[in-house]
ModelCIF file with pLDDT and N, C-alpha, C, O atoms, coordinates in Angstrom:
data_MODEL
#
_entry.id   MODEL 
#
_entity.id                         1 
_entity.type                       polymer 
_entity.pdbx_number_of_molecules   1 
#
_entity_poly.entity_id                      1 
_entity_poly.type                           'polypeptide(L)' 
_entity_poly.nstd_linkage                   no 
_entity_poly.nstd_monomer                   no 
_entity_poly.pdbx_seq_one_letter_code       
;(UNK)(UNK)(UNK)(UNK)(UNK)(UNK)(UNK)(UNK)(UNK)(UNK)(UNK)(UNK)(UNK)(UNK)(UNK)(UNK)
(UNK)(UNK)(UNK)(UNK)(UNK)(UNK)(UNK)(UNK)(UNK)(UNK)(UNK)(UNK)(UNK)(UNK)(UNK)(UNK)
(UNK)(UNK)(UNK)(UNK)(UNK)(UNK)(UNK)(UNK)(UNK)(UNK)(UNK)(UNK)(UNK)(UNK)(UNK)(UNK)
;
_entity_poly.pdbx_seq_one_letter_code_can   XXXXXXXXXXXXXXXXXXXXXXXXXXXXXXXXXXXXXXXXXXXXXXXX 
_entity_poly.pdbx_strand_id                 A 
#
loop_
_entity_poly_seq.entity_id 
_entity_poly_seq.num 
_entity_poly_seq.mon_id 
_entity_poly_seq.hetero 
1 1  UNK n 
1 2  UNK n 
1 3  UNK n 
1 4  UNK n 
1 5  UNK n 
1 6  UNK n 
1 7  UNK n 
1 8  UNK n 
1 9  UNK n 
1 10 UNK n 
1 11 UNK n 
1 12 UNK n 
1 13 UNK n 
1 14 UNK n 
1 15 UNK n 
1 16 UNK n 
1 17 UNK n 
1 18 UNK n 
1 19 UNK n 
1 20 UNK n 
1 21 UNK n 
1 22 UNK n 
1 23 UNK n 
1 24 UNK n 
1 25 UNK n 
1 26 UNK n 
1 27 UNK n 
1 28 UNK n 
1 29 UNK n 
1 30 UNK n 
1 31 UNK n 
1 32 UNK n 
1 33 UNK n 
1 34 UNK n 
1 35 UNK n 
1 36 UNK n 
1 37 UNK n 
1 38 UNK n 
1 39 UNK n 
1 40 UNK n 
1 41 UNK n 
1 42 UNK n 
1 43 UNK n 
1 44 UNK n 
1 45 UNK n 
1 46 UNK n 
1 47 UNK n 
1 48 UNK n 
#
_struct_asym.id          A 
_struct_asym.entity_id   1 
#
loop_
_ma_qa_metric.id 
_ma_qa_metric.mode 
_ma_qa_metric.name 
_ma_qa_metric.software_group_id 
_ma_qa_metric.type 
1 global pLDDT . pLDDT 
2 local  pLDDT . pLDDT 
#
_ma_qa_metric_global.metric_id      1 
_ma_qa_metric_global.metric_value   95.06 
_ma_qa_metric_global.model_id       1 
_ma_qa_metric_global.ordinal_id     1 
#
loop_
_ma_qa_metric_local.label_asym_id 
_ma_qa_metric_local.label_comp_id 
_ma_qa_metric_local.label_seq_id 
_ma_qa_metric_local.metric_id 
_ma_qa_metric_local.metric_value 
_ma_qa_metric_local.model_id 
_ma_qa_metric_local.ordinal_id 
A UNK 1  2 88.00 1 1  
A UNK 2  2 88.00 1 2  
A UNK 3  2 87.00 1 3  
A UNK 4  2 90.00 1 4  
A UNK 5  2 91.00 1 5  
A UNK 6  2 93.00 1 6  
A UNK 7  2 93.00 1 7  
A UNK 8  2 96.00 1 8  
A UNK 9  2 96.00 1 9  
A UNK 10 2 97.00 1 10 
A UNK 11 2 97.00 1 11 
A UNK 12 2 96.00 1 12 
A UNK 13 2 96.00 1 13 
A UNK 14 2 97.00 1 14 
A UNK 15 2 98.00 1 15 
A UNK 16 2 98.00 1 16 
A UNK 17 2 98.00 1 17 
A UNK 18 2 98.00 1 18 
A UNK 19 2 98.00 1 19 
A UNK 20 2 98.00 1 20 
A UNK 21 2 96.00 1 21 
A UNK 22 2 97.00 1 22 
A UNK 23 2 97.00 1 23 
A UNK 24 2 96.00 1 24 
A UNK 25 2 96.00 1 25 
A UNK 26 2 96.00 1 26 
A UNK 27 2 94.00 1 27 
A UNK 28 2 93.00 1 28 
A UNK 29 2 96.00 1 29 
A UNK 30 2 95.00 1 30 
A UNK 31 2 96.00 1 31 
A UNK 32 2 97.00 1 32 
A UNK 33 2 98.00 1 33 
A UNK 34 2 98.00 1 34 
A UNK 35 2 97.00 1 35 
A UNK 36 2 97.00 1 36 
A UNK 37 2 97.00 1 37 
A UNK 38 2 95.00 1 38 
A UNK 39 2 92.00 1 39 
A UNK 40 2 87.00 1 40 
A UNK 41 2 91.00 1 41 
A UNK 42 2 94.00 1 42 
A UNK 43 2 94.00 1 43 
A UNK 44 2 95.00 1 44 
A UNK 45 2 97.00 1 45 
A UNK 46 2 97.00 1 46 
A UNK 47 2 96.00 1 47 
A UNK 48 2 96.00 1 48 
#
loop_
_atom_site.group_PDB 
_atom_site.id 
_atom_site.type_symbol 
_atom_site.label_atom_id 
_atom_site.label_alt_id 
_atom_site.label_comp_id 
_atom_site.label_asym_id 
_atom_site.label_entity_id 
_atom_site.label_seq_id 
_atom_site.pdbx_PDB_ins_code 
_atom_site.Cartn_x 
_atom_site.Cartn_y 
_atom_site.Cartn_z 
_atom_site.occupancy 
_atom_site.B_iso_or_equiv 
_atom_site.pdbx_formal_charge 
_atom_site.auth_seq_id 
_atom_site.auth_comp_id 
_atom_site.auth_asym_id 
_atom_site.auth_atom_id 
_atom_site.pdbx_PDB_model_num 
ATOM 1   N N  . UNK A 1 1  ? -29.289 -108.399 34.757 1.00 88.00 ? 1  UNK A N  1 
ATOM 2   C CA . UNK A 1 1  ? -29.656 -109.057 36.003 1.00 88.00 ? 1  UNK A CA 1 
ATOM 3   C C  . UNK A 1 1  ? -31.159 -109.316 35.990 1.00 88.00 ? 1  UNK A C  1 
ATOM 4   O O  . UNK A 1 1  ? -31.954 -108.391 35.821 1.00 88.00 ? 1  UNK A O  1 
ATOM 5   N N  . UNK A 1 2  ? -31.539 -110.564 36.167 1.00 88.00 ? 2  UNK A N  1 
ATOM 6   C CA . UNK A 1 2  ? -32.952 -110.948 36.150 1.00 88.00 ? 2  UNK A CA 1 
ATOM 7   C C  . UNK A 1 2  ? -33.651 -110.467 34.879 1.00 88.00 ? 2  UNK A C  1 
ATOM 8   O O  . UNK A 1 2  ? -34.797 -110.017 34.923 1.00 88.00 ? 2  UNK A O  1 
ATOM 9   N N  . UNK A 1 3  ? -32.951 -110.565 33.747 1.00 87.00 ? 3  UNK A N  1 
ATOM 10  C CA . UNK A 1 3  ? -33.528 -110.175 32.469 1.00 87.00 ? 3  UNK A CA 1 
ATOM 11  C C  . UNK A 1 3  ? -33.539 -108.682 32.213 1.00 87.00 ? 3  UNK A C  1 
ATOM 12  O O  . UNK A 1 3  ? -33.992 -108.244 31.155 1.00 87.00 ? 3  UNK A O  1 
ATOM 13  N N  . UNK A 1 4  ? -33.055 -107.894 33.150 1.00 90.00 ? 4  UNK A N  1 
ATOM 14  C CA . UNK A 1 4  ? -33.043 -106.437 33.019 1.00 90.00 ? 4  UNK A CA 1 
ATOM 15  C C  . UNK A 1 4  ? -31.625 -105.953 32.710 1.00 90.00 ? 4  UNK A C  1 
ATOM 16  O O  . UNK A 1 4  ? -30.654 -106.462 33.270 1.00 90.00 ? 4  UNK A O  1 
ATOM 17  N N  . UNK A 1 5  ? -31.514 -104.976 31.823 1.00 91.00 ? 5  UNK A N  1 
ATOM 18  C CA . UNK A 1 5  ? -30.219 -104.369 31.540 1.00 91.00 ? 5  UNK A CA 1 
ATOM 19  C C  . UNK A 1 5  ? -29.841 -103.486 32.716 1.00 91.00 ? 5  UNK A C  1 
ATOM 20  O O  . UNK A 1 5  ? -30.653 -102.703 33.208 1.00 91.00 ? 5  UNK A O  1 
ATOM 21  N N  . UNK A 1 6  ? -28.600 -103.621 33.159 1.00 93.00 ? 6  UNK A N  1 
ATOM 22  C CA . UNK A 1 6  ? -28.107 -102.805 34.257 1.00 93.00 ? 6  UNK A CA 1 
ATOM 23  C C  . UNK A 1 6  ? -26.974 -101.914 33.757 1.00 93.00 ? 6  UNK A C  1 
ATOM 24  O O  . UNK A 1 6  ? -26.274 -102.243 32.799 1.00 93.00 ? 6  UNK A O  1 
ATOM 25  N N  . UNK A 1 7  ? -26.817 -100.800 34.420 1.00 93.00 ? 7  UNK A N  1 
ATOM 26  C CA . UNK A 1 7  ? -25.759 -99.865  34.071 1.00 93.00 ? 7  UNK A CA 1 
ATOM 27  C C  . UNK A 1 7  ? -25.296 -99.169  35.344 1.00 93.00 ? 7  UNK A C  1 
ATOM 28  O O  . UNK A 1 7  ? -26.110 -98.754  36.169 1.00 93.00 ? 7  UNK A O  1 
ATOM 29  N N  . UNK A 1 8  ? -24.003 -99.047  35.492 1.00 96.00 ? 8  UNK A N  1 
ATOM 30  C CA . UNK A 1 8  ? -23.452 -98.253  36.585 1.00 96.00 ? 8  UNK A CA 1 
ATOM 31  C C  . UNK A 1 8  ? -22.170 -97.593  36.091 1.00 96.00 ? 8  UNK A C  1 
ATOM 32  O O  . UNK A 1 8  ? -21.549 -98.042  35.127 1.00 96.00 ? 8  UNK A O  1 
ATOM 33  N N  . UNK A 1 9  ? -21.797 -96.538  36.763 1.00 96.00 ? 9  UNK A N  1 
ATOM 34  C CA . UNK A 1 9  ? -20.565 -95.853  36.391 1.00 96.00 ? 9  UNK A CA 1 
ATOM 35  C C  . UNK A 1 9  ? -19.923 -95.244  37.628 1.00 96.00 ? 9  UNK A C  1 
ATOM 36  O O  . UNK A 1 9  ? -20.590 -94.916  38.609 1.00 96.00 ? 9  UNK A O  1 
ATOM 37  N N  . UNK A 1 10 ? -18.613 -95.107  37.546 1.00 97.00 ? 10 UNK A N  1 
ATOM 38  C CA . UNK A 1 10 ? -17.837 -94.428  38.584 1.00 97.00 ? 10 UNK A CA 1 
ATOM 39  C C  . UNK A 1 10 ? -16.861 -93.522  37.866 1.00 97.00 ? 10 UNK A C  1 
ATOM 40  O O  . UNK A 1 10 ? -16.311 -93.883  36.826 1.00 97.00 ? 10 UNK A O  1 
ATOM 41  N N  . UNK A 1 11 ? -16.651 -92.349  38.423 1.00 97.00 ? 11 UNK A N  1 
ATOM 42  C CA . UNK A 1 11 ? -15.649 -91.476  37.835 1.00 97.00 ? 11 UNK A CA 1 
ATOM 43  C C  . UNK A 1 11 ? -14.864 -90.778  38.931 1.00 97.00 ? 11 UNK A C  1 
ATOM 44  O O  . UNK A 1 11 ? -15.304 -90.686  40.077 1.00 97.00 ? 11 UNK A O  1 
ATOM 45  N N  . UNK A 1 12 ? -13.690 -90.287  38.552 1.00 96.00 ? 12 UNK A N  1 
ATOM 46  C CA . UNK A 1 12 ? -12.901 -89.479  39.469 1.00 96.00 ? 12 UNK A CA 1 
ATOM 47  C C  . UNK A 1 12 ? -12.088 -88.483  38.664 1.00 96.00 ? 12 UNK A C  1 
ATOM 48  O O  . UNK A 1 12 ? -11.849 -88.667  37.471 1.00 96.00 ? 12 UNK A O  1 
ATOM 49  N N  . UNK A 1 13 ? -11.673 -87.433  39.337 1.00 96.00 ? 13 UNK A N  1 
ATOM 50  C CA . UNK A 1 13 ? -10.898 -86.391  38.681 1.00 96.00 ? 13 UNK A CA 1 
ATOM 51  C C  . UNK A 1 13 ? -9.849  -85.847  39.644 1.00 96.00 ? 13 UNK A C  1 
ATOM 52  O O  . UNK A 1 13 ? -9.984  -85.963  40.862 1.00 96.00 ? 13 UNK A O  1 
ATOM 53  N N  . UNK A 1 14 ? -8.819  -85.261  39.086 1.00 97.00 ? 14 UNK A N  1 
ATOM 54  C CA . UNK A 1 14 ? -7.821  -84.509  39.834 1.00 97.00 ? 14 UNK A CA 1 
ATOM 55  C C  . UNK A 1 14 ? -7.586  -83.216  39.055 1.00 97.00 ? 14 UNK A C  1 
ATOM 56  O O  . UNK A 1 14 ? -7.245  -83.253  37.873 1.00 97.00 ? 14 UNK A O  1 
ATOM 57  N N  . UNK A 1 15 ? -7.767  -82.087  39.710 1.00 98.00 ? 15 UNK A N  1 
ATOM 58  C CA . UNK A 1 15 ? -7.458  -80.792  39.124 1.00 98.00 ? 15 UNK A CA 1 
ATOM 59  C C  . UNK A 1 15 ? -6.174  -80.300  39.771 1.00 98.00 ? 15 UNK A C  1 
ATOM 60  O O  . UNK A 1 15 ? -6.115  -80.091  40.983 1.00 98.00 ? 15 UNK A O  1 
ATOM 61  N N  . UNK A 1 16 ? -5.144  -80.117  38.949 1.00 98.00 ? 16 UNK A N  1 
ATOM 62  C CA . UNK A 1 16 ? -3.862  -79.613  39.429 1.00 98.00 ? 16 UNK A CA 1 
ATOM 63  C C  . UNK A 1 16 ? -3.652  -78.224  38.853 1.00 98.00 ? 16 UNK A C  1 
ATOM 64  O O  . UNK A 1 16 ? -3.682  -78.023  37.638 1.00 98.00 ? 16 UNK A O  1 
ATOM 65  N N  . UNK A 1 17 ? -3.441  -77.285  39.737 1.00 98.00 ? 17 UNK A N  1 
ATOM 66  C CA . UNK A 1 17 ? -3.252  -75.889  39.380 1.00 98.00 ? 17 UNK A CA 1 
ATOM 67  C C  . UNK A 1 17 ? -1.824  -75.508  39.744 1.00 98.00 ? 17 UNK A C  1 
ATOM 68  O O  . UNK A 1 17 ? -1.373  -75.784  40.856 1.00 98.00 ? 17 UNK A O  1 
ATOM 69  N N  . UNK A 1 18 ? -1.111  -74.879  38.818 1.00 98.00 ? 18 UNK A N  1 
ATOM 70  C CA . UNK A 1 18 ? 0.289   -74.534  39.066 1.00 98.00 ? 18 UNK A CA 1 
ATOM 71  C C  . UNK A 1 18 ? 0.546   -73.071  38.728 1.00 98.00 ? 18 UNK A C  1 
ATOM 72  O O  . UNK A 1 18 ? 0.188   -72.593  37.651 1.00 98.00 ? 18 UNK A O  1 
ATOM 73  N N  . UNK A 1 19 ? 1.173   -72.374  39.666 1.00 98.00 ? 19 UNK A N  1 
ATOM 74  C CA . UNK A 1 19 ? 1.552   -70.983  39.434 1.00 98.00 ? 19 UNK A CA 1 
ATOM 75  C C  . UNK A 1 19 ? 2.763   -70.956  38.518 1.00 98.00 ? 19 UNK A C  1 
ATOM 76  O O  . UNK A 1 19 ? 3.725   -71.691  38.746 1.00 98.00 ? 19 UNK A O  1 
ATOM 77  N N  . UNK A 1 20 ? 2.734   -70.121  37.483 1.00 98.00 ? 20 UNK A N  1 
ATOM 78  C CA . UNK A 1 20 ? 3.791   -70.110  36.473 1.00 98.00 ? 20 UNK A CA 1 
ATOM 79  C C  . UNK A 1 20 ? 5.006   -69.266  36.887 1.00 98.00 ? 20 UNK A C  1 
ATOM 80  O O  . UNK A 1 20 ? 6.098   -69.448  36.348 1.00 98.00 ? 20 UNK A O  1 
ATOM 81  N N  . UNK A 1 21 ? 4.820   -68.360  37.827 1.00 96.00 ? 21 UNK A N  1 
ATOM 82  C CA . UNK A 1 21 ? 5.921   -67.501  38.261 1.00 96.00 ? 21 UNK A CA 1 
ATOM 83  C C  . UNK A 1 21 ? 6.741   -68.141  39.367 1.00 96.00 ? 21 UNK A C  1 
ATOM 84  O O  . UNK A 1 21 ? 6.597   -69.327  39.664 1.00 96.00 ? 21 UNK A O  1 
ATOM 85  N N  . UNK A 1 22 ? 7.605   -67.335  39.970 1.00 97.00 ? 22 UNK A N  1 
ATOM 86  C CA . UNK A 1 22 ? 8.458   -67.798  41.065 1.00 97.00 ? 22 UNK A CA 1 
ATOM 87  C C  . UNK A 1 22 ? 7.647   -67.925  42.350 1.00 97.00 ? 22 UNK A C  1 
ATOM 88  O O  . UNK A 1 22 ? 6.711   -67.158  42.575 1.00 97.00 ? 22 UNK A O  1 
ATOM 89  N N  . UNK A 1 23 ? 8.002   -68.879  43.178 1.00 97.00 ? 23 UNK A N  1 
ATOM 90  C CA . UNK A 1 23 ? 7.315   -69.104  44.454 1.00 97.00 ? 23 UNK A CA 1 
ATOM 91  C C  . UNK A 1 23 ? 7.313   -67.835  45.309 1.00 97.00 ? 23 UNK A C  1 
ATOM 92  O O  . UNK A 1 23 ? 6.340   -67.564  46.013 1.00 97.00 ? 23 UNK A O  1 
ATOM 93  N N  . UNK A 1 24 ? 8.382   -67.070  45.251 1.00 96.00 ? 24 UNK A N  1 
ATOM 94  C CA . UNK A 1 24 ? 8.493   -65.839  46.044 1.00 96.00 ? 24 UNK A CA 1 
ATOM 95  C C  . UNK A 1 24 ? 7.376   -64.852  45.705 1.00 96.00 ? 24 UNK A C  1 
ATOM 96  O O  . UNK A 1 24 ? 6.987   -64.043  46.548 1.00 96.00 ? 24 UNK A O  1 
ATOM 97  N N  . UNK A 1 25 ? 6.862   -64.915  44.485 1.00 96.00 ? 25 UNK A N  1 
ATOM 98  C CA . UNK A 1 25 ? 5.781   -64.011  44.078 1.00 96.00 ? 25 UNK A CA 1 
ATOM 99  C C  . UNK A 1 25 ? 4.485   -64.292  44.831 1.00 96.00 ? 25 UNK A C  1 
ATOM 100 O O  . UNK A 1 25 ? 3.595   -63.442  44.864 1.00 96.00 ? 25 UNK A O  1 
ATOM 101 N N  . UNK A 1 26 ? 4.370   -65.472  45.434 1.00 96.00 ? 26 UNK A N  1 
ATOM 102 C CA . UNK A 1 26 ? 3.179   -65.830  46.200 1.00 96.00 ? 26 UNK A CA 1 
ATOM 103 C C  . UNK A 1 26 ? 3.356   -65.548  47.697 1.00 96.00 ? 26 UNK A C  1 
ATOM 104 O O  . UNK A 1 26 ? 2.469   -65.865  48.489 1.00 96.00 ? 26 UNK A O  1 
ATOM 105 N N  . UNK A 1 27 ? 4.477   -64.964  48.089 1.00 94.00 ? 27 UNK A N  1 
ATOM 106 C CA . UNK A 1 27 ? 4.793   -64.789  49.510 1.00 94.00 ? 27 UNK A CA 1 
ATOM 107 C C  . UNK A 1 27 ? 3.782   -63.907  50.241 1.00 94.00 ? 27 UNK A C  1 
ATOM 108 O O  . UNK A 1 27 ? 3.598   -64.071  51.447 1.00 94.00 ? 27 UNK A O  1 
ATOM 109 N N  . UNK A 1 28 ? 3.130   -62.987  49.555 1.00 93.00 ? 28 UNK A N  1 
ATOM 110 C CA . UNK A 1 28 ? 2.140   -62.131  50.216 1.00 93.00 ? 28 UNK A CA 1 
ATOM 111 C C  . UNK A 1 28 ? 0.718   -62.692  50.126 1.00 93.00 ? 28 UNK A C  1 
ATOM 112 O O  . UNK A 1 28 ? -0.223  -62.091  50.646 1.00 93.00 ? 28 UNK A O  1 
ATOM 113 N N  . UNK A 1 29 ? 0.564   -63.838  49.470 1.00 96.00 ? 29 UNK A N  1 
ATOM 114 C CA . UNK A 1 29 ? -0.769  -64.432  49.304 1.00 96.00 ? 29 UNK A CA 1 
ATOM 115 C C  . UNK A 1 29 ? -1.279  -64.981  50.646 1.00 96.00 ? 29 UNK A C  1 
ATOM 116 O O  . UNK A 1 29 ? -0.613  -65.790  51.292 1.00 96.00 ? 29 UNK A O  1 
ATOM 117 N N  . UNK A 1 30 ? -2.449  -64.532  51.042 1.00 95.00 ? 30 UNK A N  1 
ATOM 118 C CA . UNK A 1 30 ? -3.074  -64.997  52.283 1.00 95.00 ? 30 UNK A CA 1 
ATOM 119 C C  . UNK A 1 30 ? -4.203  -65.994  52.014 1.00 95.00 ? 30 UNK A C  1 
ATOM 120 O O  . UNK A 1 30 ? -4.572  -66.787  52.880 1.00 95.00 ? 30 UNK A O  1 
ATOM 121 N N  . UNK A 1 31 ? -4.744  -65.935  50.786 1.00 96.00 ? 31 UNK A N  1 
ATOM 122 C CA . UNK A 1 31 ? -5.862  -66.810  50.437 1.00 96.00 ? 31 UNK A CA 1 
ATOM 123 C C  . UNK A 1 31 ? -5.792  -67.136  48.957 1.00 96.00 ? 31 UNK A C  1 
ATOM 124 O O  . UNK A 1 31 ? -5.477  -66.279  48.132 1.00 96.00 ? 31 UNK A O  1 
ATOM 125 N N  . UNK A 1 32 ? -6.093  -68.391  48.632 1.00 97.00 ? 32 UNK A N  1 
ATOM 126 C CA . UNK A 1 32 ? -6.200  -68.831  47.251 1.00 97.00 ? 32 UNK A CA 1 
ATOM 127 C C  . UNK A 1 32 ? -7.566  -69.462  47.080 1.00 97.00 ? 32 UNK A C  1 
ATOM 128 O O  . UNK A 1 32 ? -7.942  -70.364  47.829 1.00 97.00 ? 32 UNK A O  1 
ATOM 129 N N  . UNK A 1 33 ? -8.308  -68.987  46.096 1.00 98.00 ? 33 UNK A N  1 
ATOM 130 C CA . UNK A 1 33 ? -9.616  -69.561  45.773 1.00 98.00 ? 33 UNK A CA 1 
ATOM 131 C C  . UNK A 1 33 ? -9.593  -69.984  44.312 1.00 98.00 ? 33 UNK A C  1 
ATOM 132 O O  . UNK A 1 33 ? -9.219  -69.200  43.440 1.00 98.00 ? 33 UNK A O  1 
ATOM 133 N N  . UNK A 1 34 ? -9.990  -71.213  44.046 1.00 98.00 ? 34 UNK A N  1 
ATOM 134 C CA . UNK A 1 34 ? -10.081 -71.632  42.651 1.00 98.00 ? 34 UNK A CA 1 
ATOM 135 C C  . UNK A 1 34 ? -11.286 -72.529  42.470 1.00 98.00 ? 34 UNK A C  1 
ATOM 136 O O  . UNK A 1 34 ? -11.712 -73.233  43.386 1.00 98.00 ? 34 UNK A O  1 
ATOM 137 N N  . UNK A 1 35 ? -11.827 -72.484  41.255 1.00 97.00 ? 35 UNK A N  1 
ATOM 138 C CA . UNK A 1 35 ? -13.024 -73.254  40.960 1.00 97.00 ? 35 UNK A CA 1 
ATOM 139 C C  . UNK A 1 35 ? -12.946 -73.777  39.536 1.00 97.00 ? 35 UNK A C  1 
ATOM 140 O O  . UNK A 1 35 ? -12.178 -73.275  38.714 1.00 97.00 ? 35 UNK A O  1 
ATOM 141 N N  . UNK A 1 36 ? -13.752 -74.791  39.258 1.00 97.00 ? 36 UNK A N  1 
ATOM 142 C CA . UNK A 1 36 ? -13.861 -75.348  37.911 1.00 97.00 ? 36 UNK A CA 1 
ATOM 143 C C  . UNK A 1 36 ? -15.323 -75.620  37.630 1.00 97.00 ? 36 UNK A C  1 
ATOM 144 O O  . UNK A 1 36 ? -16.133 -75.758  38.547 1.00 97.00 ? 36 UNK A O  1 
ATOM 145 N N  . UNK A 1 37 ? -15.652 -75.694  36.346 1.00 97.00 ? 37 UNK A N  1 
ATOM 146 C CA . UNK A 1 37 ? -17.028 -75.989  35.954 1.00 97.00 ? 37 UNK A CA 1 
ATOM 147 C C  . UNK A 1 37 ? -17.024 -76.798  34.663 1.00 97.00 ? 37 UNK A C  1 
ATOM 148 O O  . UNK A 1 37 ? -16.464 -76.375  33.651 1.00 97.00 ? 37 UNK A O  1 
ATOM 149 N N  . UNK A 1 38 ? -17.656 -77.970  34.712 1.00 95.00 ? 38 UNK A N  1 
ATOM 150 C CA . UNK A 1 38 ? -17.896 -78.786  33.529 1.00 95.00 ? 38 UNK A CA 1 
ATOM 151 C C  . UNK A 1 38 ? -19.396 -78.752  33.272 1.00 95.00 ? 38 UNK A C  1 
ATOM 152 O O  . UNK A 1 38 ? -20.139 -78.153  34.049 1.00 95.00 ? 38 UNK A O  1 
ATOM 153 N N  . UNK A 1 39 ? -19.850 -79.381  32.199 1.00 92.00 ? 39 UNK A N  1 
ATOM 154 C CA . UNK A 1 39 ? -21.298 -79.445  31.991 1.00 92.00 ? 39 UNK A CA 1 
ATOM 155 C C  . UNK A 1 39 ? -21.947 -80.388  32.996 1.00 92.00 ? 39 UNK A C  1 
ATOM 156 O O  . UNK A 1 39 ? -23.146 -80.289  33.258 1.00 92.00 ? 39 UNK A O  1 
ATOM 157 N N  . UNK A 1 40 ? -21.157 -81.308  33.563 1.00 87.00 ? 40 UNK A N  1 
ATOM 158 C CA . UNK A 1 40 ? -21.694 -82.308  34.485 1.00 87.00 ? 40 UNK A CA 1 
ATOM 159 C C  . UNK A 1 40 ? -21.562 -81.908  35.947 1.00 87.00 ? 40 UNK A C  1 
ATOM 160 O O  . UNK A 1 40 ? -22.375 -82.323  36.773 1.00 87.00 ? 40 UNK A O  1 
ATOM 161 N N  . UNK A 1 41 ? -20.550 -81.110  36.283 1.00 91.00 ? 41 UNK A N  1 
ATOM 162 C CA . UNK A 1 41 ? -20.320 -80.790  37.689 1.00 91.00 ? 41 UNK A CA 1 
ATOM 163 C C  . UNK A 1 41 ? -19.494 -79.523  37.830 1.00 91.00 ? 41 UNK A C  1 
ATOM 164 O O  . UNK A 1 41 ? -19.034 -78.937  36.850 1.00 91.00 ? 41 UNK A O  1 
ATOM 165 N N  . UNK A 1 42 ? -19.324 -79.126  39.069 1.00 94.00 ? 42 UNK A N  1 
ATOM 166 C CA . UNK A 1 42 ? -18.475 -77.983  39.368 1.00 94.00 ? 42 UNK A CA 1 
ATOM 167 C C  . UNK A 1 42 ? -17.930 -78.163  40.778 1.00 94.00 ? 42 UNK A C  1 
ATOM 168 O O  . UNK A 1 42 ? -18.437 -78.971  41.556 1.00 94.00 ? 42 UNK A O  1 
ATOM 169 N N  . UNK A 1 43 ? -16.916 -77.417  41.086 1.00 94.00 ? 43 UNK A N  1 
ATOM 170 C CA . UNK A 1 43 ? -16.342 -77.493  42.422 1.00 94.00 ? 43 UNK A CA 1 
ATOM 171 C C  . UNK A 1 43 ? -15.471 -76.284  42.677 1.00 94.00 ? 43 UNK A C  1 
ATOM 172 O O  . UNK A 1 43 ? -15.087 -75.565  41.754 1.00 94.00 ? 43 UNK A O  1 
ATOM 173 N N  . UNK A 1 44 ? -15.165 -76.073  43.950 1.00 95.00 ? 44 UNK A N  1 
ATOM 174 C CA . UNK A 1 44 ? -14.284 -74.978  44.301 1.00 95.00 ? 44 UNK A CA 1 
ATOM 175 C C  . UNK A 1 44 ? -13.502 -75.333  45.553 1.00 95.00 ? 44 UNK A C  1 
ATOM 176 O O  . UNK A 1 44 ? -13.875 -76.227  46.313 1.00 95.00 ? 44 UNK A O  1 
ATOM 177 N N  . UNK A 1 45 ? -12.425 -74.621  45.744 1.00 97.00 ? 45 UNK A N  1 
ATOM 178 C CA . UNK A 1 45 ? -11.587 -74.851  46.917 1.00 97.00 ? 45 UNK A CA 1 
ATOM 179 C C  . UNK A 1 45 ? -11.007 -73.518  47.358 1.00 97.00 ? 45 UNK A C  1 
ATOM 180 O O  . UNK A 1 45 ? -10.623 -72.688  46.534 1.00 97.00 ? 45 UNK A O  1 
ATOM 181 N N  . UNK A 1 46 ? -10.950 -73.323  48.671 1.00 97.00 ? 46 UNK A N  1 
ATOM 182 C CA . UNK A 1 46 ? -10.349 -72.137  49.253 1.00 97.00 ? 46 UNK A CA 1 
ATOM 183 C C  . UNK A 1 46 ? -9.275  -72.596  50.229 1.00 97.00 ? 46 UNK A C  1 
ATOM 184 O O  . UNK A 1 46 ? -9.514  -73.453  51.080 1.00 97.00 ? 46 UNK A O  1 
ATOM 185 N N  . UNK A 1 47 ? -8.092  -72.013  50.092 1.00 96.00 ? 47 UNK A N  1 
ATOM 186 C CA . UNK A 1 47 ? -6.988  -72.332  50.987 1.00 96.00 ? 47 UNK A CA 1 
ATOM 187 C C  . UNK A 1 47 ? -6.495  -71.042  51.623 1.00 96.00 ? 47 UNK A C  1 
ATOM 188 O O  . UNK A 1 47 ? -6.231  -70.060  50.928 1.00 96.00 ? 47 UNK A O  1 
ATOM 189 N N  . UNK A 1 48 ? -6.371  -71.047  52.949 1.00 96.00 ? 48 UNK A N  1 
ATOM 190 C CA . UNK A 1 48 ? -5.853  -69.890  53.676 1.00 96.00 ? 48 UNK A CA 1 
ATOM 191 C C  . UNK A 1 48 ? -4.386  -70.115  53.991 1.00 96.00 ? 48 UNK A C  1 
ATOM 192 O O  . UNK A 1 48 ? -3.747  -69.259  54.603 1.00 96.00 ? 48 UNK A O  1 
#
């Protein structure tokens, strides 16, 4: 643009976490906390 090199980027992600056991094993769970970390970003989520 106007003789200048331009660069832009967009990204998105979906982190899907799945419990390997039976659903009944989670019946006493009151809170779930999970997080991830890449070299570029990190995030966390808490579910009550």
